[in-house]
Amino acid sequence: MKKMLFALLIGLCPASAWASGCGCGSINAMLTVAKTETIQAVNAYTAAEAQAIRSEILVAAQNIIGTIKTESATIVRALVALKESNAATLKGQAVAGEAMKTEDLYGKAAQPAGLCGTSALGAGIQLGAQAGREIHAAMREKQLAHANTAGVKPVEFLRRVLAEDHPTERETLDALFPLQDTLTEDQVAQAHESVKTLANPRPLPVLTDEQKDTPAGQTYAAARKIHEGRMAAVTESLNSHVVYHAPTLPEDVTTWAQNQWSEAGGSGTPPGIVDGKLSEAGLYKLLSQMRVGNPNWFAQIATATDAGLLREMVLMQAFQMELTRKNTELLDRLTVIASLDYLTRMEGTTGKDMDDLYTRMVGAQQ
């Protein structure tokens, strides 16, 4: 038994322990050293493994972070590109919508038969009307002076008609009924002379103050006054006819009319424009020919937008109202002339009978 215990102790103790001698202190030291070495070996292995694991974790983390950064940058770029694309799309839609709106309001499809550039048209027509009133007033004053020239005998007025500078038959016709609806400035003067000749070729003599004091002079003065009043109404209507064809509209309206005629597909000089001038009658003829006489107008109407059709309707309605006003004015003048003509005829028939009746029944008693 003792031999076995001894053999076991020998086997457990290292050679270094035997070399340094045997004792309890030496055994404890050997155990401590062995334990320390084991712990150090374990710690070294653990540290190496931990470092390797940390390195792998760090590399993996860096890879993950890099991948996330790359993917995030890609996502961000995609989002930015999408945002820019959406912004461009929205902007393009806004621009396109605005362009479509502008086209609807002011484009070719919205301007059938001349709706563009009409901002100065109304003002131009007002200036034309003012010029017409000035021509009308000048003609009236000259004609009144012609009919009230003192000391001139009827034969002297006839010499004016026979003078070489008096409008010929052709000139009178062209001045009163121009083929192009607009008179030249020379034709306006010829029309004025023609009105004086046709309406009052031989003005009645003007009485002196001494003649007015006599009963015969008073009778003549009364008859002359009635005659001149009737002639004034006729002359005024003829004057209005001349002014209607006079080139009174300003150059802005003429330029507008030329542009509209070209845009409507017309070529050459537009109707109503003569020597670069335009009259009120010429303007109405132009507006009519640009529609009724223009095959392009029907195609423009068929392809026009709602805004274009509305503009066309408003423009045509405005001129229709003006034409109605002119026609009403003409009817008013014709009514006056017809009434005066009726009174003149009645004076030669019923009026004469009433004068005779008064002479027989009343005048004989005075």
Protein backbone atom coordinates (compact mmCIF):
# COMPACT_ATOMS: atom_id res chain seq x y z
CA MET A 1 0.00 0.00 0.00
CA LYS A 2 2.72 2.38 0.85
CA LYS A 3 4.49 1.50 -2.35
CA MET A 4 1.44 2.44 -4.45
CA LEU A 5 1.01 5.82 -2.77
CA PHE A 6 4.59 6.67 -3.30
CA ALA A 7 4.46 5.76 -6.96
CA LEU A 8 1.42 8.02 -7.43
CA LEU A 9 3.12 10.98 -5.86
CA ILE A 10 6.14 10.49 -8.04
CA GLY A 11 3.94 10.46 -11.11
CA LEU A 12 2.07 13.68 -10.15
CA CYS A 13 5.07 15.78 -9.30
CA PRO A 14 7.00 17.29 -12.22
CA ALA A 15 10.67 16.77 -12.72
CA SER A 16 11.44 20.36 -11.75
CA ALA A 17 9.89 19.73 -8.37
CA TRP A 18 12.08 16.75 -7.76
CA ALA A 19 15.13 18.62 -8.83
CA SER A 20 14.53 21.42 -6.34
CA GLY A 21 13.69 19.16 -3.58
CA CYS A 22 10.44 17.90 -2.22
CA GLY A 23 8.24 19.64 0.31
CA CYS A 24 4.74 21.03 0.75
CA GLY A 25 5.84 24.57 -0.27
CA SER A 26 7.31 23.35 -3.51
CA ILE A 27 4.12 21.48 -4.48
CA ASN A 28 1.93 24.52 -3.88
CA ALA A 29 4.23 26.61 -5.98
CA MET A 30 4.06 24.16 -8.80
CA LEU A 31 0.27 24.14 -8.67
CA THR A 32 0.15 27.91 -8.70
CA VAL A 33 2.49 28.13 -11.65
CA ALA A 34 0.49 25.54 -13.55
CA LYS A 35 -2.74 27.36 -12.80
CA THR A 36 -1.25 30.68 -13.83
CA GLU A 37 0.05 29.29 -17.08
CA THR A 38 -3.29 27.69 -17.80
CA ILE A 39 -5.12 30.94 -17.10
CA GLN A 40 -2.65 32.89 -19.21
CA ALA A 41 -3.00 30.47 -22.06
CA VAL A 42 -6.75 30.61 -21.81
CA ASN A 43 -6.67 34.41 -21.58
CA ALA A 44 -4.34 34.71 -24.54
CA TYR A 45 -6.51 32.42 -26.63
CA THR A 46 -9.63 34.24 -25.48
CA ALA A 47 -8.05 37.62 -26.26
CA ALA A 48 -7.01 36.46 -29.69
CA GLU A 49 -10.45 35.05 -30.37
CA ALA A 50 -12.08 38.22 -29.06
CA GLN A 51 -9.84 40.37 -31.23
CA ALA A 52 -10.64 38.25 -34.25
CA ILE A 53 -14.30 38.39 -33.45
CA ARG A 54 -14.13 42.16 -32.94
CA SER A 55 -12.29 42.54 -36.23
CA GLU A 56 -14.87 40.43 -38.01
CA ILE A 57 -17.67 42.36 -36.30
CA LEU A 58 -16.01 45.70 -37.18
CA VAL A 59 -15.51 44.67 -40.80
CA ALA A 60 -19.05 43.37 -40.99
CA ALA A 61 -20.34 46.54 -39.36
CA GLN A 62 -18.32 48.68 -41.74
CA ASN A 63 -19.61 46.68 -44.67
CA ILE A 64 -23.14 47.04 -43.40
CA ILE A 65 -22.67 50.77 -42.78
CA GLY A 66 -21.08 51.23 -46.20
CA THR A 67 -23.86 49.29 -47.82
CA ILE A 68 -26.44 51.34 -45.92
CA LYS A 69 -24.69 54.57 -46.87
CA THR A 70 -24.53 53.54 -50.51
CA GLU A 71 -28.10 52.40 -50.53
CA SER A 72 -29.15 55.51 -48.59
CA ALA A 73 -27.34 57.75 -51.05
CA THR A 74 -28.97 55.89 -53.90
CA ILE A 75 -32.35 56.24 -52.24
CA VAL A 76 -31.73 59.93 -51.55
CA ARG A 77 -30.66 60.52 -55.15
CA ALA A 78 -33.70 58.66 -56.33
CA LEU A 79 -35.91 60.73 -54.07
CA VAL A 80 -34.27 63.95 -55.24
CA ALA A 81 -34.62 62.89 -58.85
CA LEU A 82 -38.24 61.96 -58.24
CA LYS A 83 -38.84 65.28 -56.53
CA GLU A 84 -37.20 67.16 -59.38
CA SER A 85 -39.14 65.12 -61.88
CA ASN A 86 -42.39 65.82 -60.05
CA ALA A 87 -41.50 69.49 -59.80
CA ALA A 88 -40.68 69.59 -63.51
CA THR A 89 -43.89 67.75 -64.28
CA LEU A 90 -45.94 70.12 -62.15
CA LYS A 91 -44.16 73.11 -63.62
CA GLY A 92 -44.65 71.74 -67.09
CA GLN A 93 -48.31 71.15 -66.39
CA ALA A 94 -48.63 74.68 -65.04
CA VAL A 95 -46.86 76.15 -68.07
CA ALA A 96 -48.88 73.99 -70.41
CA GLY A 97 -52.07 74.91 -68.62
CA GLU A 98 -51.21 78.59 -68.78
CA ALA A 99 -50.30 78.25 -72.42
CA MET A 100 -53.58 76.50 -73.12
CA LYS A 101 -55.42 79.20 -71.21
CA THR A 102 -53.61 81.88 -73.17
CA GLU A 103 -54.35 80.04 -76.41
CA ASP A 104 -58.00 79.78 -75.44
CA LEU A 105 -58.21 83.50 -74.76
CA TYR A 106 -55.84 85.02 -77.26
CA GLY A 107 -54.68 82.30 -79.65
CA LYS A 108 -55.61 81.86 -83.28
CA ALA A 109 -58.48 79.57 -82.39
CA ALA A 110 -59.88 82.28 -80.15
CA GLN A 111 -59.69 84.96 -82.82
CA PRO A 112 -61.95 84.04 -85.72
CA ALA A 113 -62.26 86.81 -88.29
CA GLY A 114 -60.35 89.45 -86.40
CA LEU A 115 -60.57 89.63 -82.64
CA CYS A 116 -56.95 90.46 -81.90
CA GLY A 117 -55.69 93.97 -81.39
CA THR A 118 -59.08 95.59 -81.06
CA SER A 119 -58.21 97.55 -77.94
CA ALA A 120 -57.92 100.82 -79.91
CA LEU A 121 -60.92 100.15 -82.14
CA GLY A 122 -63.52 101.73 -79.85
CA ALA A 123 -61.42 104.82 -79.26
CA GLY A 124 -60.74 105.06 -82.98
CA ILE A 125 -64.44 104.93 -83.79
CA GLN A 126 -65.04 107.72 -81.28
CA LEU A 127 -62.38 109.84 -82.97
CA GLY A 128 -63.94 109.04 -86.33
CA ALA A 129 -67.35 110.14 -85.06
CA GLN A 130 -65.84 113.39 -83.79
CA ALA A 131 -64.20 114.03 -87.17
CA GLY A 132 -67.53 113.29 -88.85
CA ARG A 133 -69.29 115.84 -86.67
CA GLU A 134 -66.69 118.44 -87.58
CA ILE A 135 -67.15 117.78 -91.31
CA HIS A 136 -70.92 117.85 -90.88
CA ALA A 137 -70.81 121.17 -89.02
CA ALA A 138 -68.50 122.72 -91.63
CA MET A 139 -70.79 121.65 -94.47
CA ARG A 140 -73.86 122.98 -92.66
CA GLU A 141 -72.34 126.39 -92.03
CA LYS A 142 -71.15 126.77 -95.63
CA GLN A 143 -74.52 125.70 -97.03
CA LEU A 144 -76.41 128.11 -94.79
CA ALA A 145 -74.07 130.88 -95.90
CA HIS A 146 -74.66 129.84 -99.52
CA ALA A 147 -78.43 130.14 -99.09
CA ASN A 148 -78.26 133.50 -97.34
CA THR A 149 -75.81 135.46 -99.47
CA ALA A 150 -77.18 138.99 -99.66
CA GLY A 151 -77.29 140.88 -102.95
CA VAL A 152 -76.81 137.83 -105.17
CA LYS A 153 -79.34 137.19 -107.90
CA PRO A 154 -80.52 133.67 -108.83
CA VAL A 155 -78.78 133.86 -112.19
CA GLU A 156 -75.46 134.34 -110.41
CA PHE A 157 -75.97 131.06 -108.55
CA LEU A 158 -76.64 129.36 -111.86
CA ARG A 159 -73.29 130.57 -113.14
CA ARG A 160 -71.66 128.65 -110.27
CA VAL A 161 -73.36 125.47 -111.45
CA LEU A 162 -72.14 126.03 -115.00
CA ALA A 163 -68.55 126.80 -113.96
CA GLU A 164 -65.82 124.41 -115.13
CA ASP A 165 -64.70 123.63 -111.58
CA HIS A 166 -68.17 122.42 -110.62
CA PRO A 167 -68.37 118.60 -110.20
CA THR A 168 -69.35 116.79 -113.37
CA GLU A 169 -72.12 114.25 -113.56
CA ARG A 170 -69.65 111.41 -113.03
CA GLU A 171 -67.94 113.19 -110.15
CA THR A 172 -71.28 113.89 -108.50
CA LEU A 173 -72.25 110.23 -108.82
CA ASP A 174 -68.92 108.99 -107.43
CA ALA A 175 -69.05 111.53 -104.59
CA LEU A 176 -72.55 110.61 -103.47
CA PHE A 177 -72.38 106.86 -104.14
CA PRO A 178 -68.72 105.75 -103.99
CA LEU A 179 -67.99 102.27 -105.31
CA GLN A 180 -65.58 101.54 -102.44
CA ASP A 181 -67.88 103.09 -99.80
CA THR A 182 -65.15 105.52 -98.73
CA LEU A 183 -64.67 108.96 -100.28
CA THR A 184 -61.36 110.60 -100.94
CA GLU A 185 -60.75 114.07 -99.51
CA ASP A 186 -61.37 115.61 -102.94
CA GLN A 187 -64.62 113.70 -103.28
CA VAL A 188 -65.81 115.04 -99.93
CA ALA A 189 -65.47 118.56 -101.33
CA GLN A 190 -67.20 117.51 -104.54
CA ALA A 191 -70.01 115.93 -102.54
CA HIS A 192 -70.45 119.18 -100.60
CA GLU A 193 -70.77 121.16 -103.83
CA SER A 194 -73.13 118.55 -105.26
CA VAL A 195 -75.40 118.81 -102.22
CA LYS A 196 -75.63 122.58 -102.63
CA THR A 197 -76.47 122.17 -106.30
CA LEU A 198 -79.03 119.38 -105.96
CA ALA A 199 -80.75 120.61 -102.79
CA ASN A 200 -80.70 124.35 -103.36
CA PRO A 201 -79.45 125.27 -106.86
CA ARG A 202 -81.04 128.76 -106.85
CA PRO A 203 -81.30 130.17 -103.33
CA LEU A 204 -84.04 132.74 -102.94
CA PRO A 205 -82.99 136.40 -102.82
CA VAL A 206 -82.43 137.96 -99.40
CA LEU A 207 -84.59 141.01 -98.62
CA THR A 208 -83.20 144.32 -97.57
CA ASP A 209 -84.43 146.02 -94.42
CA GLU A 210 -86.60 148.37 -96.45
CA GLN A 211 -88.24 145.48 -98.28
CA LYS A 212 -88.99 143.66 -95.04
CA ASP A 213 -91.10 146.60 -93.82
CA THR A 214 -93.58 146.34 -96.70
CA PRO A 215 -96.59 143.96 -96.65
CA ALA A 216 -95.34 142.24 -99.79
CA GLY A 217 -91.88 141.92 -98.28
CA GLN A 218 -93.30 140.34 -95.13
CA THR A 219 -95.31 137.87 -97.18
CA TYR A 220 -92.19 136.93 -99.15
CA ALA A 221 -90.04 136.67 -96.01
CA ALA A 222 -92.55 134.27 -94.42
CA ALA A 223 -92.73 132.10 -97.53
CA ARG A 224 -88.94 132.10 -97.83
CA LYS A 225 -88.52 131.08 -94.21
CA ILE A 226 -90.82 128.09 -94.67
CA HIS A 227 -89.03 127.15 -97.88
CA GLU A 228 -85.58 127.37 -96.27
CA GLY A 229 -86.72 125.25 -93.31
CA ARG A 230 -87.82 122.48 -95.62
CA MET A 231 -84.63 122.71 -97.64
CA ALA A 232 -82.55 122.58 -94.45
CA ALA A 233 -84.07 119.21 -93.47
CA VAL A 234 -83.31 117.72 -96.89
CA THR A 235 -79.81 119.18 -96.96
CA GLU A 236 -79.09 117.83 -93.47
CA SER A 237 -79.95 114.29 -94.57
CA LEU A 238 -77.69 114.62 -97.60
CA ASN A 239 -74.92 115.94 -95.38
CA SER A 240 -75.29 112.93 -93.07
CA HIS A 241 -75.01 110.63 -96.08
CA VAL A 242 -71.76 112.31 -97.17
CA VAL A 243 -70.23 112.16 -93.68
CA TYR A 244 -71.11 108.46 -93.41
CA HIS A 245 -68.82 107.85 -96.41
CA ALA A 246 -66.15 110.44 -95.50
CA PRO A 247 -62.67 109.11 -94.52
CA THR A 248 -63.02 110.03 -90.87
CA LEU A 249 -61.53 107.01 -89.08
CA PRO A 250 -57.94 107.47 -87.80
CA GLU A 251 -54.90 105.58 -89.08
CA ASP A 252 -54.91 103.18 -86.09
CA VAL A 253 -58.27 101.78 -87.15
CA THR A 254 -57.16 101.57 -90.79
CA THR A 255 -54.02 99.65 -89.76
CA TRP A 256 -56.11 97.33 -87.60
CA ALA A 257 -58.50 96.72 -90.51
CA GLN A 258 -55.63 95.88 -92.86
CA ASN A 259 -54.15 93.41 -90.36
CA GLN A 260 -57.51 91.75 -89.77
CA TRP A 261 -58.11 91.45 -93.50
CA SER A 262 -54.75 89.69 -93.92
CA GLU A 263 -55.31 87.37 -90.94
CA ALA A 264 -58.72 86.46 -92.30
CA GLY A 265 -57.05 85.26 -95.51
CA GLY A 266 -57.78 88.29 -97.67
CA SER A 267 -55.35 89.68 -100.20
CA GLY A 268 -54.92 93.09 -101.75
CA THR A 269 -56.53 96.26 -100.44
CA PRO A 270 -59.31 95.54 -97.94
CA PRO A 271 -62.84 96.64 -98.88
CA GLY A 272 -63.69 100.16 -97.76
CA ILE A 273 -60.11 101.45 -97.62
CA VAL A 274 -59.32 104.12 -100.21
CA ASP A 275 -55.95 105.90 -100.33
CA GLY A 276 -55.14 104.45 -96.91
CA LYS A 277 -58.29 105.96 -95.39
CA LEU A 278 -61.39 104.32 -93.98
CA SER A 279 -64.93 105.59 -93.52
CA GLU A 280 -67.66 104.38 -91.22
CA ALA A 281 -69.49 102.82 -94.16
CA GLY A 282 -66.22 101.23 -95.32
CA LEU A 283 -65.62 99.72 -91.87
CA TYR A 284 -69.02 98.05 -91.84
CA LYS A 285 -68.45 96.72 -95.35
CA LEU A 286 -65.06 95.34 -94.31
CA LEU A 287 -66.46 93.59 -91.22
CA SER A 288 -69.21 92.06 -93.35
CA GLN A 289 -66.89 90.88 -96.12
CA MET A 290 -64.50 89.34 -93.59
CA ARG A 291 -67.35 87.03 -92.56
CA VAL A 292 -70.08 86.55 -95.14
CA GLY A 293 -67.67 86.98 -98.04
CA ASN A 294 -64.81 85.01 -96.47
CA PRO A 295 -64.85 81.19 -96.79
CA ASN A 296 -62.08 80.96 -94.17
CA TRP A 297 -64.38 82.43 -91.54
CA PHE A 298 -66.62 79.37 -91.48
CA ALA A 299 -63.61 77.11 -90.92
CA GLN A 300 -62.36 79.41 -88.17
CA ILE A 301 -65.73 79.29 -86.45
CA ALA A 302 -65.79 75.48 -86.65
CA THR A 303 -62.41 75.19 -84.90
CA ALA A 304 -62.75 78.12 -82.51
CA THR A 305 -62.69 77.72 -78.74
CA ASP A 306 -65.52 78.76 -76.48
CA ALA A 307 -63.68 81.99 -75.69
CA GLY A 308 -63.18 82.66 -79.39
CA LEU A 309 -66.83 82.09 -80.22
CA LEU A 310 -67.87 84.33 -77.35
CA ARG A 311 -65.58 87.10 -78.55
CA GLU A 312 -66.92 86.78 -82.07
CA MET A 313 -70.50 86.97 -80.86
CA VAL A 314 -69.77 90.00 -78.69
CA LEU A 315 -67.99 91.83 -81.52
CA MET A 316 -70.74 91.12 -84.04
CA GLN A 317 -73.43 92.07 -81.54
CA ALA A 318 -71.68 95.37 -80.80
CA PHE A 319 -71.57 96.32 -84.47
CA GLN A 320 -75.12 95.11 -84.94
CA MET A 321 -76.20 97.54 -82.22
CA GLU A 322 -74.31 100.36 -83.94
CA LEU A 323 -75.89 99.54 -87.29
CA THR A 324 -79.30 99.47 -85.64
CA ARG A 325 -78.60 102.92 -84.22
CA LYS A 326 -77.55 104.20 -87.65
CA ASN A 327 -80.64 102.73 -89.26
CA THR A 328 -82.83 104.29 -86.59
CA GLU A 329 -81.19 107.66 -87.23
CA LEU A 330 -81.76 107.23 -90.96
CA LEU A 331 -85.42 106.32 -90.43
CA ASP A 332 -85.80 109.37 -88.22
CA ARG A 333 -84.47 111.62 -90.97
CA LEU A 334 -86.60 109.93 -93.61
CA THR A 335 -89.64 110.40 -91.41
CA VAL A 336 -88.98 114.14 -91.23
CA ILE A 337 -88.48 114.40 -94.99
CA ALA A 338 -91.57 112.32 -95.73
CA SER A 339 -93.61 114.49 -93.36
CA LEU A 340 -92.38 117.67 -95.01
CA ASP A 341 -93.12 116.25 -98.43
CA TYR A 342 -96.63 115.37 -97.33
CA LEU A 343 -97.18 118.84 -95.92
CA THR A 344 -95.95 120.42 -99.17
CA ARG A 345 -98.32 118.31 -101.22
CA MET A 346 -101.17 119.06 -98.85
CA GLU A 347 -100.45 122.76 -99.10
CA GLY A 348 -100.99 122.64 -102.86
CA THR A 349 -104.31 120.79 -102.55
CA THR A 350 -106.21 120.85 -99.30
CA GLY A 351 -104.28 123.87 -98.09
CA LYS A 352 -105.30 125.86 -101.15
CA ASP A 353 -108.95 124.89 -100.63
CA MET A 354 -108.78 126.08 -97.04
CA ASP A 355 -107.30 129.42 -98.14
CA ASP A 356 -110.13 129.92 -100.63
CA LEU A 357 -112.69 128.98 -98.00
CA TYR A 358 -111.23 131.46 -95.55
CA THR A 359 -111.26 134.21 -98.19
CA ARG A 360 -114.90 133.57 -98.98
CA MET A 361 -116.22 133.07 -95.45
CA VAL A 362 -113.96 135.16 -93.22
CA GLY A 363 -111.81 137.44 -95.29
CA ALA A 364 -114.76 139.08 -97.00
CA GLN A 365 -116.05 140.27 -93.60
CA GLN A 366 -112.82 141.98 -92.60
